[in-house]
Amino acid sequence: MEWDEIKARWPAYRTSCARRWARISDRELDQIDGDRGRLSRQIQEVYLISADDADRQISQWLTADRSTPGTEPGVSEDDAVPGCGGNTFHGEPACHSGYMDDEE
């Protein structure tokens, strides 16, 4: 994937970056604005790693993105939210939306 595409579609990739590098603040992600060098420097600063390690992480992130065409950039099956798994109760989905649902 060409970095120009990431820069052009930064709002979509920004969300993926926020998931991958959760310690980078929203303000910092806004300032990165699709600039690979800025992203690398921010990863180095926040995670206290070398430039080579930051670049390696970015490359791995890009490779993971390429492995799931047609999906949101950088999102893998590991990011999926578990569902009901087909479980039903009297024909209705047996899911709860929260642990306090049953309390009055």
Protein backbone atom coordinates (compact mmCIF):
# COMPACT_ATOMS: atom_id res chain seq x y z
CA MET A 1 0.00 0.00 0.00
CA GLU A 2 1.23 3.43 -0.88
CA TRP A 3 1.53 5.93 1.96
CA ASP A 4 -0.15 8.56 -0.28
CA GLU A 5 -3.37 6.58 0.04
CA ILE A 6 -3.10 6.64 3.83
CA LYS A 7 -2.50 10.38 3.82
CA ALA A 8 -5.48 10.92 1.51
CA ARG A 9 -7.74 8.72 3.68
CA TRP A 10 -6.29 9.72 7.05
CA PRO A 11 -9.63 9.94 8.92
CA ALA A 12 -10.24 6.21 8.30
CA TYR A 13 -6.64 5.24 9.06
CA ARG A 14 -6.57 7.52 12.10
CA THR A 15 -9.14 5.26 13.78
CA SER A 16 -6.98 2.25 13.03
CA CYS A 17 -3.90 4.02 14.41
CA ALA A 18 -5.79 4.91 17.57
CA ARG A 19 -6.56 1.21 18.09
CA ARG A 20 -3.03 0.06 17.29
CA TRP A 21 -1.19 2.74 19.30
CA ALA A 22 -3.68 3.53 22.07
CA ARG A 23 -1.24 5.71 24.03
CA ILE A 24 -1.17 8.31 21.26
CA SER A 25 -3.73 10.99 22.10
CA ASP A 26 -6.49 12.19 19.78
CA ARG A 27 -4.82 15.59 19.58
CA GLU A 28 -1.52 13.98 18.56
CA LEU A 29 -3.28 11.85 15.92
CA ASP A 30 -4.87 15.00 14.52
CA GLN A 31 -1.44 16.65 14.33
CA ILE A 32 0.07 13.59 12.58
CA ASP A 33 -2.48 14.13 9.78
CA GLY A 34 -1.27 11.17 7.73
CA ASP A 35 2.43 12.06 7.86
CA ARG A 36 4.41 8.83 8.24
CA GLY A 37 7.44 10.59 9.71
CA ARG A 38 5.31 12.27 12.36
CA LEU A 39 3.59 8.97 13.17
CA SER A 40 6.96 7.27 13.55
CA ARG A 41 8.32 10.04 15.78
CA GLN A 42 5.19 9.98 17.93
CA ILE A 43 5.38 6.20 18.36
CA GLN A 44 9.05 6.55 19.36
CA GLU A 45 8.29 9.27 21.88
CA VAL A 46 5.20 7.73 23.47
CA TYR A 47 6.42 4.12 23.56
CA LEU A 48 10.11 4.93 24.17
CA ILE A 49 11.34 2.79 21.27
CA SER A 50 13.90 3.27 18.52
CA ALA A 51 13.15 4.68 15.08
CA ASP A 52 13.77 1.23 13.59
CA ASP A 53 11.27 -0.38 15.96
CA ALA A 54 8.66 2.30 15.24
CA ASP A 55 9.12 1.86 11.48
CA ARG A 56 8.88 -1.90 11.90
CA GLN A 57 5.59 -1.51 13.78
CA ILE A 58 4.21 0.76 11.05
CA SER A 59 5.22 -1.75 8.37
CA GLN A 60 3.55 -4.59 10.30
CA TRP A 61 0.42 -2.47 10.66
CA LEU A 62 0.38 -1.86 6.91
CA THR A 63 0.89 -5.56 6.19
CA ALA A 64 -1.98 -6.49 8.51
CA ASP A 65 -4.15 -3.94 6.69
CA ARG A 66 -3.36 -5.52 3.33
CA SER A 67 -4.34 -8.99 4.56
CA THR A 68 -8.04 -8.08 4.94
CA PRO A 69 -9.15 -6.35 1.75
CA GLY A 70 -12.47 -4.55 1.83
CA THR A 71 -12.47 -4.00 5.56
CA GLU A 72 -11.71 -0.98 7.69
CA PRO A 73 -7.98 -0.22 7.55
CA GLY A 74 -5.99 -2.03 10.20
CA VAL A 75 -8.94 -3.91 11.71
CA SER A 76 -8.55 -7.65 12.08
CA GLU A 77 -10.76 -10.47 13.37
CA ASP A 78 -9.13 -9.91 16.76
CA ASP A 79 -11.01 -6.61 16.92
CA ALA A 80 -14.40 -8.28 16.46
CA VAL A 81 -17.03 -7.85 19.14
CA PRO A 82 -18.42 -11.17 20.34
CA GLY A 83 -22.12 -11.75 19.71
CA CYS A 84 -24.70 -14.25 20.88
CA GLY A 85 -23.08 -17.14 19.07
CA GLY A 86 -26.50 -18.32 17.89
CA ASN A 87 -27.81 -18.90 21.41
CA THR A 88 -31.53 -18.32 21.83
CA PHE A 89 -34.04 -18.29 24.67
CA HIS A 90 -37.66 -18.99 23.61
CA GLY A 91 -36.73 -18.13 20.04
CA GLU A 92 -35.18 -14.77 20.95
CA PRO A 93 -31.42 -13.97 20.96
CA ALA A 94 -29.95 -14.77 24.37
CA CYS A 95 -27.69 -11.72 24.54
CA HIS A 96 -27.37 -9.08 27.19
CA SER A 97 -26.40 -5.54 26.37
CA GLY A 98 -24.95 -4.94 29.82
CA TYR A 99 -24.47 -6.57 33.18
CA MET A 100 -27.02 -4.32 34.90
CA ASP A 101 -29.89 -5.16 32.50
CA ASP A 102 -31.52 -7.56 34.95
CA GLU A 103 -31.52 -5.18 37.90
CA GLU A 104 -34.44 -2.93 38.69
